[in-house]
Amino acid sequence: MTRHIRFPRAFTLVEALMAMSITVVAGGAILFGMASTVDITDDSLQRTIARGIAEQLMEEMAGCFYYEPGGSPTQYPLGPAGSEVSGASRQLFDDIGDFHALTQQPPRDSYGMMLGQENGTGGLRQEAFRVRDGYFDNWRTTVNVYYVSSSTPGTPLAAGQTSNYRLVQVHVYVDQPEGATRELALLSRVFAYVPLPS
């Protein structure tokens, strides 16, 4: 009696190559999805940080006088006096108009220390609590202060015109490696001067 041994059917080379191709395509789709998720998460993180930077700068301005003590609420042009400019420091800025046309790259606190490195009193944080060196090198903050009317507070008045209302805009940008500039945050607020009753 002859006995035949049956071997289980194996994959052919073509079937094995097809299975590998399907696995590679599926793996590529998963990796592409993960890369997109990482990009979206990084963008969200940058926008959240930028919003915090803009809010911090806006609150700094809100703590200042509306106009230079001894000056006029309708002074023109806006900007810091020569005696208020001290390198990268804003410590001498005492009114909202001083912040007009302020641009800093990388962003700095009022003492002139780079954000993420400062301790809030003009010194450095402990090393373990600092952001990595160079993190904000491509980031830029810009502040513009405009006179506006009460009826159209979002539209700056023509040069030379003044009012008792000022629109403050804080922009936070990042310069991309390919040379493009991307705006991460824009914060706007209108400040009004209300004269004391006589």
N, C-alpha and C. Protein backbone atom coordinates (compact mmCIF):
# COMPACT_ATOMS: atom_id res chain seq x y z
N MET A 1 0.83 -1.16 0.00
CA MET A 1 0.00 0.00 0.00
C MET A 1 0.89 1.24 0.00
N THR A 2 0.57 2.06 -0.95
CA THR A 2 1.36 3.27 -1.09
C THR A 2 0.67 4.39 -0.31
N ARG A 3 1.48 5.06 0.41
CA ARG A 3 0.93 6.15 1.21
C ARG A 3 1.45 7.48 0.68
N HIS A 4 0.50 8.39 0.46
CA HIS A 4 0.88 9.72 -0.03
C HIS A 4 0.86 10.70 1.12
N ILE A 5 1.92 11.43 1.24
CA ILE A 5 1.97 12.47 2.28
C ILE A 5 1.54 13.78 1.64
N ARG A 6 0.58 14.42 2.29
CA ARG A 6 0.10 15.71 1.78
C ARG A 6 0.75 16.83 2.58
N PHE A 7 1.37 17.69 1.86
CA PHE A 7 1.96 18.88 2.50
C PHE A 7 0.95 20.02 2.43
N PRO A 8 0.92 20.88 3.50
CA PRO A 8 0.00 22.01 3.41
C PRO A 8 0.40 22.93 2.26
N ARG A 9 -0.59 23.53 1.65
CA ARG A 9 -0.34 24.42 0.52
C ARG A 9 0.40 25.67 1.02
N ALA A 10 1.48 26.04 0.39
CA ALA A 10 2.28 27.21 0.78
C ALA A 10 1.94 28.38 -0.15
N PHE A 11 2.37 29.58 0.30
CA PHE A 11 2.19 30.78 -0.54
C PHE A 11 3.14 30.70 -1.72
N THR A 12 2.65 31.16 -2.82
CA THR A 12 3.54 31.28 -3.97
C THR A 12 4.29 32.59 -3.82
N LEU A 13 5.32 32.77 -4.60
CA LEU A 13 6.10 34.00 -4.56
C LEU A 13 5.22 35.21 -4.89
N VAL A 14 4.34 35.07 -5.84
CA VAL A 14 3.46 36.16 -6.24
C VAL A 14 2.54 36.54 -5.07
N GLU A 15 1.98 35.56 -4.39
CA GLU A 15 1.09 35.82 -3.26
C GLU A 15 1.85 36.52 -2.12
N ALA A 16 3.06 36.08 -1.89
CA ALA A 16 3.87 36.70 -0.82
C ALA A 16 4.19 38.15 -1.16
N LEU A 17 4.53 38.43 -2.41
CA LEU A 17 4.81 39.80 -2.83
C LEU A 17 3.57 40.68 -2.74
N MET A 18 2.41 40.13 -3.08
CA MET A 18 1.16 40.89 -2.98
C MET A 18 0.86 41.23 -1.52
N ALA A 19 1.05 40.28 -0.63
CA ALA A 19 0.80 40.51 0.79
C ALA A 19 1.74 41.59 1.33
N MET A 20 3.01 41.53 0.91
CA MET A 20 3.97 42.55 1.36
C MET A 20 3.59 43.92 0.81
N SER A 21 3.15 43.99 -0.43
CA SER A 21 2.76 45.27 -1.02
C SER A 21 1.58 45.89 -0.28
N ILE A 22 0.60 45.07 0.05
CA ILE A 22 -0.57 45.57 0.78
C ILE A 22 -0.14 46.07 2.16
N THR A 23 0.75 45.35 2.83
CA THR A 23 1.25 45.76 4.15
C THR A 23 2.00 47.08 4.06
N VAL A 24 2.83 47.25 3.04
CA VAL A 24 3.59 48.49 2.87
C VAL A 24 2.64 49.68 2.62
N VAL A 25 1.65 49.50 1.76
CA VAL A 25 0.70 50.58 1.48
C VAL A 25 -0.08 50.95 2.74
N ALA A 26 -0.55 49.94 3.49
CA ALA A 26 -1.30 50.20 4.72
C ALA A 26 -0.40 50.89 5.75
N GLY A 27 0.84 50.44 5.86
CA GLY A 27 1.78 51.07 6.80
C GLY A 27 2.07 52.51 6.42
N GLY A 28 2.22 52.76 5.13
CA GLY A 28 2.46 54.13 4.66
C GLY A 28 1.30 55.05 4.99
N ALA A 29 0.08 54.55 4.81
CA ALA A 29 -1.11 55.35 5.13
C ALA A 29 -1.16 55.67 6.62
N ILE A 30 -0.83 54.69 7.44
CA ILE A 30 -0.82 54.92 8.90
C ILE A 30 0.24 55.94 9.27
N LEU A 31 1.45 55.81 8.71
CA LEU A 31 2.51 56.76 9.01
C LEU A 31 2.17 58.16 8.53
N PHE A 32 1.54 58.26 7.35
CA PHE A 32 1.13 59.57 6.84
C PHE A 32 0.13 60.22 7.79
N GLY A 33 -0.83 59.41 8.27
CA GLY A 33 -1.81 59.92 9.22
C GLY A 33 -1.17 60.38 10.51
N MET A 34 -0.17 59.63 10.99
CA MET A 34 0.53 60.01 12.21
C MET A 34 1.32 61.30 12.01
N ALA A 35 1.96 61.45 10.86
CA ALA A 35 2.74 62.66 10.57
C ALA A 35 1.82 63.88 10.52
N SER A 36 0.64 63.71 9.92
CA SER A 36 -0.33 64.82 9.87
C SER A 36 -0.78 65.20 11.27
N THR A 37 -1.00 64.20 12.11
CA THR A 37 -1.43 64.46 13.48
C THR A 37 -0.35 65.20 14.25
N VAL A 38 0.90 64.81 14.06
CA VAL A 38 2.01 65.49 14.74
C VAL A 38 2.11 66.94 14.27
N ASP A 39 1.95 67.19 12.95
CA ASP A 39 1.99 68.56 12.43
C ASP A 39 0.86 69.41 13.01
N ILE A 40 -0.34 68.85 13.09
CA ILE A 40 -1.48 69.58 13.64
C ILE A 40 -1.25 69.88 15.11
N THR A 41 -0.72 68.91 15.85
CA THR A 41 -0.45 69.11 17.27
C THR A 41 0.61 70.18 17.48
N ASP A 42 1.66 70.16 16.67
CA ASP A 42 2.72 71.17 16.77
C ASP A 42 2.18 72.56 16.45
N ASP A 43 1.34 72.66 15.43
CA ASP A 43 0.75 73.94 15.07
C ASP A 43 -0.14 74.46 16.20
N SER A 44 -0.95 73.57 16.79
CA SER A 44 -1.81 73.97 17.90
C SER A 44 -1.00 74.44 19.09
N LEU A 45 0.10 73.75 19.38
CA LEU A 45 0.96 74.15 20.48
C LEU A 45 1.56 75.53 20.23
N GLN A 46 2.06 75.77 19.02
CA GLN A 46 2.64 77.07 18.68
C GLN A 46 1.60 78.18 18.78
N ARG A 47 0.39 77.94 18.30
CA ARG A 47 -0.67 78.95 18.36
C ARG A 47 -1.08 79.25 19.81
N THR A 48 -1.09 78.22 20.66
CA THR A 48 -1.42 78.43 22.07
C THR A 48 -0.34 79.27 22.76
N ILE A 49 0.92 78.95 22.50
CA ILE A 49 2.03 79.73 23.08
C ILE A 49 1.97 81.17 22.58
N ALA A 50 1.74 81.34 21.28
CA ALA A 50 1.68 82.69 20.70
C ALA A 50 0.54 83.50 21.30
N ARG A 51 -0.60 82.87 21.51
CA ARG A 51 -1.74 83.57 22.13
C ARG A 51 -1.36 84.03 23.55
N GLY A 52 -0.65 83.16 24.29
CA GLY A 52 -0.20 83.54 25.62
C GLY A 52 0.77 84.71 25.60
N ILE A 53 1.68 84.72 24.62
CA ILE A 53 2.64 85.83 24.48
C ILE A 53 1.88 87.12 24.20
N ALA A 54 0.90 87.06 23.27
CA ALA A 54 0.13 88.25 22.92
C ALA A 54 -0.67 88.76 24.12
N GLU A 55 -1.28 87.86 24.86
CA GLU A 55 -2.07 88.26 26.03
C GLU A 55 -1.18 88.88 27.10
N GLN A 56 0.00 88.30 27.30
CA GLN A 56 0.93 88.84 28.29
C GLN A 56 1.35 90.27 27.93
N LEU A 57 1.65 90.49 26.67
CA LEU A 57 2.05 91.82 26.22
C LEU A 57 0.88 92.81 26.31
N MET A 58 -0.33 92.36 25.97
CA MET A 58 -1.51 93.23 26.07
C MET A 58 -1.78 93.60 27.53
N GLU A 59 -1.63 92.67 28.45
CA GLU A 59 -1.85 92.97 29.87
C GLU A 59 -0.80 93.93 30.40
N GLU A 60 0.42 93.81 29.88
CA GLU A 60 1.47 94.77 30.26
C GLU A 60 1.06 96.18 29.87
N MET A 61 0.51 96.32 28.66
CA MET A 61 0.06 97.65 28.20
C MET A 61 -1.15 98.13 29.00
N ALA A 62 -2.06 97.21 29.34
CA ALA A 62 -3.26 97.59 30.09
C ALA A 62 -2.90 98.13 31.48
N GLY A 63 -1.74 97.77 31.99
CA GLY A 63 -1.28 98.25 33.28
C GLY A 63 -0.60 99.60 33.22
N CYS A 64 -0.48 100.17 32.03
CA CYS A 64 0.18 101.47 31.85
C CYS A 64 -0.85 102.59 31.80
N PHE A 65 -0.37 103.83 31.90
CA PHE A 65 -1.24 104.99 31.72
C PHE A 65 -1.75 105.02 30.29
N TYR A 66 -2.88 105.68 30.08
CA TYR A 66 -3.39 105.85 28.72
C TYR A 66 -2.46 106.77 27.93
N TYR A 67 -1.96 107.84 28.60
CA TYR A 67 -1.04 108.76 27.94
C TYR A 67 0.05 109.15 28.91
N GLU A 68 1.10 109.72 28.37
CA GLU A 68 2.27 110.13 29.14
C GLU A 68 1.86 111.09 30.27
N PRO A 69 2.24 110.78 31.52
CA PRO A 69 1.92 111.72 32.61
C PRO A 69 2.45 113.11 32.29
N GLY A 70 1.57 114.10 32.42
CA GLY A 70 1.93 115.47 32.09
C GLY A 70 1.73 115.80 30.63
N GLY A 71 1.35 114.79 29.82
CA GLY A 71 1.15 115.00 28.39
C GLY A 71 -0.32 115.16 28.05
N SER A 72 -0.64 114.79 26.83
CA SER A 72 -2.00 114.92 26.32
C SER A 72 -2.54 113.55 25.88
N PRO A 73 -3.84 113.28 26.10
CA PRO A 73 -4.40 112.01 25.64
C PRO A 73 -4.47 111.89 24.12
N THR A 74 -4.26 113.02 23.43
CA THR A 74 -4.30 113.00 21.96
C THR A 74 -2.92 113.32 21.37
N GLN A 75 -1.87 112.94 22.09
CA GLN A 75 -0.52 113.22 21.59
C GLN A 75 -0.33 112.56 20.23
N TYR A 76 0.45 113.19 19.40
CA TYR A 76 0.76 112.64 18.08
C TYR A 76 2.17 113.10 17.72
N PRO A 77 3.00 112.24 17.21
CA PRO A 77 2.80 110.82 16.92
C PRO A 77 2.96 109.97 18.17
N LEU A 78 2.52 108.72 18.06
CA LEU A 78 2.66 107.78 19.16
C LEU A 78 4.03 107.13 19.09
N GLY A 79 4.52 106.68 20.22
CA GLY A 79 5.81 106.01 20.30
C GLY A 79 6.54 106.45 21.55
N PRO A 80 7.59 105.74 21.91
CA PRO A 80 8.33 106.10 23.11
C PRO A 80 9.18 107.34 22.90
N ALA A 81 9.36 108.09 23.98
CA ALA A 81 10.30 109.23 23.93
C ALA A 81 11.71 108.66 23.92
N GLY A 82 12.65 109.45 23.45
CA GLY A 82 14.05 108.99 23.38
C GLY A 82 14.57 108.51 24.72
N SER A 83 14.14 109.15 25.81
CA SER A 83 14.61 108.78 27.14
C SER A 83 14.01 107.47 27.64
N GLU A 84 12.94 106.98 26.96
CA GLU A 84 12.29 105.74 27.39
C GLU A 84 12.84 104.51 26.69
N VAL A 85 13.63 104.73 25.66
CA VAL A 85 14.19 103.60 24.91
C VAL A 85 15.51 103.20 25.53
N SER A 86 15.58 101.93 25.95
CA SER A 86 16.79 101.45 26.60
C SER A 86 17.10 100.05 26.11
N GLY A 87 17.72 99.94 24.96
CA GLY A 87 18.06 98.63 24.40
C GLY A 87 16.81 97.81 24.15
N ALA A 88 16.82 96.54 24.62
CA ALA A 88 15.67 95.66 24.42
C ALA A 88 14.67 95.78 25.56
N SER A 89 14.99 96.56 26.58
CA SER A 89 14.13 96.68 27.75
C SER A 89 12.96 97.64 27.51
N ARG A 90 11.81 97.30 28.12
CA ARG A 90 10.64 98.17 28.07
C ARG A 90 10.32 98.72 29.46
N GLN A 91 11.25 98.64 30.37
CA GLN A 91 10.99 99.04 31.75
C GLN A 91 10.56 100.49 31.88
N LEU A 92 10.98 101.35 30.97
CA LEU A 92 10.64 102.77 31.07
C LEU A 92 9.36 103.13 30.32
N PHE A 93 8.75 102.15 29.64
CA PHE A 93 7.48 102.41 28.96
C PHE A 93 6.41 102.58 30.03
N ASP A 94 5.77 103.76 30.06
CA ASP A 94 4.78 104.01 31.10
C ASP A 94 3.38 104.33 30.56
N ASP A 95 3.25 104.44 29.24
CA ASP A 95 1.92 104.68 28.66
C ASP A 95 1.75 103.83 27.42
N ILE A 96 0.49 103.63 27.03
CA ILE A 96 0.16 102.73 25.91
C ILE A 96 0.84 103.17 24.62
N GLY A 97 0.92 104.47 24.38
CA GLY A 97 1.52 104.97 23.15
C GLY A 97 2.98 104.60 22.99
N ASP A 98 3.68 104.34 24.11
CA ASP A 98 5.10 103.96 24.04
C ASP A 98 5.31 102.66 23.28
N PHE A 99 4.29 101.81 23.23
CA PHE A 99 4.43 100.49 22.60
C PHE A 99 4.24 100.52 21.09
N HIS A 100 3.83 101.68 20.54
CA HIS A 100 3.58 101.75 19.10
C HIS A 100 4.85 101.41 18.31
N ALA A 101 4.69 100.55 17.32
CA ALA A 101 5.77 100.12 16.41
C ALA A 101 6.85 99.29 17.10
N LEU A 102 6.53 98.73 18.27
CA LEU A 102 7.48 97.85 18.96
C LEU A 102 7.58 96.53 18.21
N THR A 103 8.79 96.13 17.84
CA THR A 103 9.03 94.84 17.20
C THR A 103 10.20 94.19 17.91
N GLN A 104 10.03 92.94 18.31
CA GLN A 104 11.11 92.21 18.98
C GLN A 104 11.22 90.80 18.43
N GLN A 105 12.43 90.44 18.04
CA GLN A 105 12.71 89.09 17.58
C GLN A 105 14.05 88.66 18.17
N PRO A 106 14.07 87.68 19.02
CA PRO A 106 12.96 86.91 19.58
C PRO A 106 12.18 87.73 20.59
N PRO A 107 10.96 87.28 20.94
CA PRO A 107 10.15 88.02 21.91
C PRO A 107 10.86 88.12 23.26
N ARG A 108 10.67 89.26 23.93
CA ARG A 108 11.34 89.51 25.21
C ARG A 108 10.33 90.01 26.23
N ASP A 109 10.70 89.88 27.51
CA ASP A 109 9.85 90.44 28.56
C ASP A 109 10.21 91.91 28.76
N SER A 110 9.58 92.57 29.72
CA SER A 110 9.80 94.01 29.90
C SER A 110 11.23 94.33 30.34
N TYR A 111 11.94 93.35 30.88
CA TYR A 111 13.34 93.57 31.29
C TYR A 111 14.32 93.34 30.15
N GLY A 112 13.82 92.87 29.03
CA GLY A 112 14.69 92.60 27.89
C GLY A 112 15.20 91.18 27.85
N MET A 113 14.71 90.32 28.72
CA MET A 113 15.12 88.92 28.74
C MET A 113 14.27 88.13 27.75
N MET A 114 14.88 87.15 27.06
CA MET A 114 14.15 86.33 26.10
C MET A 114 13.09 85.51 26.82
N LEU A 115 11.89 85.45 26.23
CA LEU A 115 10.81 84.67 26.82
C LEU A 115 11.21 83.21 26.91
N GLY A 116 10.75 82.57 27.96
CA GLY A 116 11.09 81.17 28.19
C GLY A 116 12.39 81.00 28.93
N GLN A 117 13.16 82.09 29.08
CA GLN A 117 14.43 82.05 29.80
C GLN A 117 14.33 82.89 31.08
N GLU A 118 13.41 83.88 31.09
CA GLU A 118 13.35 84.89 32.14
C GLU A 118 12.61 84.36 33.37
N ASN A 119 12.87 85.02 34.52
CA ASN A 119 12.16 84.64 35.74
C ASN A 119 11.14 85.69 36.16
N GLY A 120 10.93 86.72 35.36
CA GLY A 120 9.93 87.74 35.67
C GLY A 120 10.45 88.89 36.51
N THR A 121 11.72 88.81 36.93
CA THR A 121 12.29 89.90 37.74
C THR A 121 13.61 90.39 37.15
N GLY A 122 13.85 90.08 35.88
CA GLY A 122 15.07 90.54 35.24
C GLY A 122 16.21 89.53 35.25
N GLY A 123 15.98 88.36 35.81
CA GLY A 123 17.01 87.32 35.85
C GLY A 123 16.59 86.10 35.04
N LEU A 124 17.42 85.07 35.12
CA LEU A 124 17.15 83.83 34.39
C LEU A 124 16.46 82.82 35.30
N ARG A 125 15.62 81.99 34.69
CA ARG A 125 15.01 80.87 35.41
C ARG A 125 16.08 79.83 35.72
N GLN A 126 15.74 78.92 36.63
CA GLN A 126 16.63 77.79 36.82
C GLN A 126 16.70 77.02 35.51
N GLU A 127 17.85 76.47 35.24
CA GLU A 127 18.09 75.86 33.93
C GLU A 127 17.06 74.79 33.55
N ALA A 128 16.61 74.01 34.51
CA ALA A 128 15.65 72.94 34.23
C ALA A 128 14.29 73.48 33.79
N PHE A 129 14.01 74.76 34.05
CA PHE A 129 12.71 75.33 33.73
C PHE A 129 12.75 76.28 32.54
N ARG A 130 13.84 76.32 31.82
CA ARG A 130 13.96 77.17 30.63
C ARG A 130 13.58 76.39 29.39
N VAL A 131 13.06 77.12 28.38
CA VAL A 131 12.86 76.46 27.09
C VAL A 131 14.24 76.27 26.46
N ARG A 132 14.31 75.36 25.54
CA ARG A 132 15.62 75.08 24.93
C ARG A 132 16.14 76.32 24.22
N ASP A 133 17.45 76.48 24.23
CA ASP A 133 18.08 77.63 23.57
C ASP A 133 17.67 77.68 22.10
N GLY A 134 17.32 78.87 21.65
CA GLY A 134 16.98 79.07 20.24
C GLY A 134 15.54 78.78 19.88
N TYR A 135 14.71 78.32 20.85
CA TYR A 135 13.32 77.95 20.52
C TYR A 135 12.56 79.13 19.91
N PHE A 136 12.75 80.33 20.44
CA PHE A 136 12.00 81.50 19.96
C PHE A 136 12.79 82.35 18.97
N ASP A 137 13.93 81.87 18.49
CA ASP A 137 14.76 82.69 17.59
C ASP A 137 14.00 83.15 16.34
N ASN A 138 13.10 82.33 15.82
CA ASN A 138 12.36 82.69 14.59
C ASN A 138 11.01 83.33 14.89
N TRP A 139 10.73 83.60 16.15
CA TRP A 139 9.46 84.22 16.54
C TRP A 139 9.64 85.72 16.63
N ARG A 140 8.56 86.45 16.31
CA ARG A 140 8.62 87.92 16.34
C ARG A 140 7.30 88.47 16.87
N THR A 141 7.38 89.46 17.76
CA THR A 141 6.19 90.16 18.21
C THR A 141 6.22 91.57 17.64
N THR A 142 5.05 92.05 17.25
CA THR A 142 4.91 93.41 16.72
C THR A 142 3.67 94.03 17.36
N VAL A 143 3.82 95.28 17.80
CA VAL A 143 2.70 96.00 18.39
C VAL A 143 2.45 97.26 17.58
N ASN A 144 1.18 97.53 17.28
CA ASN A 144 0.78 98.76 16.62
C ASN A 144 -0.33 99.40 17.43
N VAL A 145 -0.25 100.72 17.60
CA VAL A 145 -1.26 101.47 18.32
C VAL A 145 -1.80 102.54 17.36
N TYR A 146 -3.10 102.57 17.19
CA TYR A 146 -3.73 103.50 16.26
C TYR A 146 -4.83 104.28 16.99
N TYR A 147 -5.04 105.52 16.57
CA TYR A 147 -6.22 106.25 17.01
C TYR A 147 -7.39 105.77 16.16
N VAL A 148 -8.55 105.57 16.80
CA VAL A 148 -9.76 105.15 16.09
C VAL A 148 -10.94 105.98 16.60
N SER A 149 -12.02 105.95 15.86
CA SER A 149 -13.22 106.66 16.32
C SER A 149 -14.11 105.68 17.07
N SER A 150 -15.03 106.22 17.87
CA SER A 150 -15.92 105.35 18.64
C SER A 150 -16.89 104.60 17.73
N SER A 151 -17.19 105.15 16.55
CA SER A 151 -18.14 104.49 15.65
C SER A 151 -17.51 103.38 14.82
N THR A 152 -16.20 103.48 14.53
CA THR A 152 -15.50 102.44 13.77
C THR A 152 -14.20 102.09 14.48
N PRO A 153 -14.28 101.41 15.65
CA PRO A 153 -13.07 101.15 16.44
C PRO A 153 -12.09 100.17 15.82
N GLY A 154 -12.48 99.49 14.76
CA GLY A 154 -11.57 98.56 14.10
C GLY A 154 -10.79 99.18 12.96
N THR A 155 -11.06 100.45 12.64
CA THR A 155 -10.41 101.11 11.51
C THR A 155 -9.58 102.29 11.98
N PRO A 156 -8.26 102.27 11.75
CA PRO A 156 -7.42 103.40 12.17
C PRO A 156 -7.82 104.70 11.47
N LEU A 157 -7.71 105.80 12.21
CA LEU A 157 -7.94 107.11 11.62
C LEU A 157 -6.77 107.48 10.71
N ALA A 158 -6.99 108.43 9.84
CA ALA A 158 -5.93 108.90 8.95
C ALA A 158 -4.79 109.49 9.76
N ALA A 159 -3.59 109.45 9.20
CA ALA A 159 -2.41 109.98 9.89
C ALA A 159 -2.65 111.42 10.33
N GLY A 160 -2.34 111.70 11.58
CA GLY A 160 -2.50 113.04 12.11
C GLY A 160 -3.81 113.26 12.84
N GLN A 161 -4.80 112.40 12.59
CA GLN A 161 -6.07 112.52 13.30
C GLN A 161 -5.98 111.78 14.63
N THR A 162 -6.59 112.34 15.67
CA THR A 162 -6.57 111.72 16.99
C THR A 162 -7.99 111.64 17.56
N SER A 163 -8.14 110.89 18.63
CA SER A 163 -9.42 110.76 19.31
C SER A 163 -9.14 110.30 20.73
N ASN A 164 -10.18 109.99 21.47
CA ASN A 164 -10.02 109.45 22.81
C ASN A 164 -10.06 107.93 22.83
N TYR A 165 -9.84 107.32 21.65
CA TYR A 165 -9.86 105.86 21.54
C TYR A 165 -8.60 105.40 20.80
N ARG A 166 -8.01 104.34 21.33
CA ARG A 166 -6.82 103.76 20.69
C ARG A 166 -7.03 102.26 20.49
N LEU A 167 -6.75 101.82 19.29
CA LEU A 167 -6.78 100.40 18.96
C LEU A 167 -5.35 99.87 19.09
N VAL A 168 -5.20 98.82 19.90
CA VAL A 168 -3.89 98.19 20.07
C VAL A 168 -3.96 96.80 19.43
N GLN A 169 -3.00 96.50 18.56
CA GLN A 169 -2.92 95.18 17.93
C GLN A 169 -1.56 94.57 18.24
N VAL A 170 -1.60 93.34 18.74
CA VAL A 170 -0.38 92.59 19.03
C VAL A 170 -0.35 91.41 18.06
N HIS A 171 0.69 91.32 17.27
CA HIS A 171 0.88 90.22 16.33
C HIS A 171 2.03 89.35 16.82
N VAL A 172 1.89 88.05 16.64
CA VAL A 172 3.00 87.12 16.91
C VAL A 172 3.21 86.31 15.63
N TYR A 173 4.42 86.38 15.09
CA TYR A 173 4.77 85.70 13.84
C TYR A 173 5.87 84.68 14.10
N VAL A 174 5.97 83.72 13.18
CA VAL A 174 7.12 82.82 13.17
C VAL A 174 7.62 82.76 11.73
N ASP A 175 8.94 82.86 11.57
CA ASP A 175 9.56 82.75 10.25
C ASP A 175 9.82 81.28 9.97
N GLN A 176 9.28 80.78 8.87
CA GLN A 176 9.42 79.37 8.50
C GLN A 176 10.78 79.12 7.86
N PRO A 177 11.28 77.89 7.94
CA PRO A 177 12.58 77.57 7.33
C PRO A 177 12.64 77.86 5.83
N GLU A 178 11.50 77.73 5.12
CA GLU A 178 11.50 77.97 3.67
C GLU A 178 11.42 79.44 3.32
N GLY A 179 11.40 80.32 4.35
CA GLY A 179 11.42 81.76 4.11
C GLY A 179 10.09 82.46 4.28
N ALA A 180 9.01 81.71 4.38
CA ALA A 180 7.69 82.33 4.56
C ALA A 180 7.51 82.75 6.02
N THR A 181 6.63 83.72 6.23
CA THR A 181 6.29 84.17 7.58
C THR A 181 4.85 83.80 7.85
N ARG A 182 4.60 83.21 9.02
CA ARG A 182 3.25 82.78 9.38
C ARG A 182 2.80 83.51 10.64
N GLU A 183 1.60 84.07 10.60
CA GLU A 183 1.06 84.73 11.79
C GLU A 183 0.43 83.68 12.69
N LEU A 184 0.90 83.61 13.93
CA LEU A 184 0.38 82.64 14.89
C LEU A 184 -0.73 83.22 15.75
N ALA A 185 -0.68 84.52 16.01
CA ALA A 185 -1.69 85.14 16.88
C ALA A 185 -1.86 86.61 16.52
N LEU A 186 -3.08 87.07 16.65
CA LEU A 186 -3.40 88.50 16.52
C LEU A 186 -4.40 88.81 17.62
N LEU A 187 -4.04 89.74 18.48
CA LEU A 187 -4.91 90.13 19.58
C LEU A 187 -5.16 91.62 19.46
N SER A 188 -6.42 92.03 19.49
CA SER A 188 -6.79 93.44 19.36
C SER A 188 -7.61 93.87 20.57
N ARG A 189 -7.39 95.12 21.00
CA ARG A 189 -8.18 95.68 22.09
C ARG A 189 -8.25 97.18 21.90
N VAL A 190 -9.40 97.75 22.21
CA VAL A 190 -9.58 99.19 22.15
C VAL A 190 -9.53 99.75 23.56
N PHE A 191 -8.70 100.76 23.75
CA PHE A 191 -8.60 101.47 25.03
C PHE A 191 -9.23 102.85 24.84
N ALA A 192 -9.97 103.30 25.85
CA ALA A 192 -10.64 104.59 25.76
C ALA A 192 -10.16 105.50 26.88
N TYR A 193 -10.02 106.77 26.56
CA TYR A 193 -9.71 107.78 27.57
C TYR A 193 -11.01 108.45 27.99
N VAL A 194 -11.31 108.37 29.26
CA VAL A 194 -12.52 108.99 29.79
C VAL A 194 -12.08 110.12 30.72
N PRO A 195 -12.26 111.38 30.30
CA PRO A 195 -11.82 112.49 31.14
C PRO A 195 -12.60 112.55 32.45
N LEU A 196 -11.93 112.99 33.49
CA LEU A 196 -12.60 113.16 34.78
C LEU A 196 -13.61 114.30 34.69
N PRO A 197 -14.76 114.14 35.33
CA PRO A 197 -15.75 115.24 35.29
C PRO A 197 -15.20 116.47 35.99
N SER A 198 -15.52 117.65 35.45
CA SER A 198 -15.00 118.87 36.05
C SER A 198 -15.99 119.48 37.01
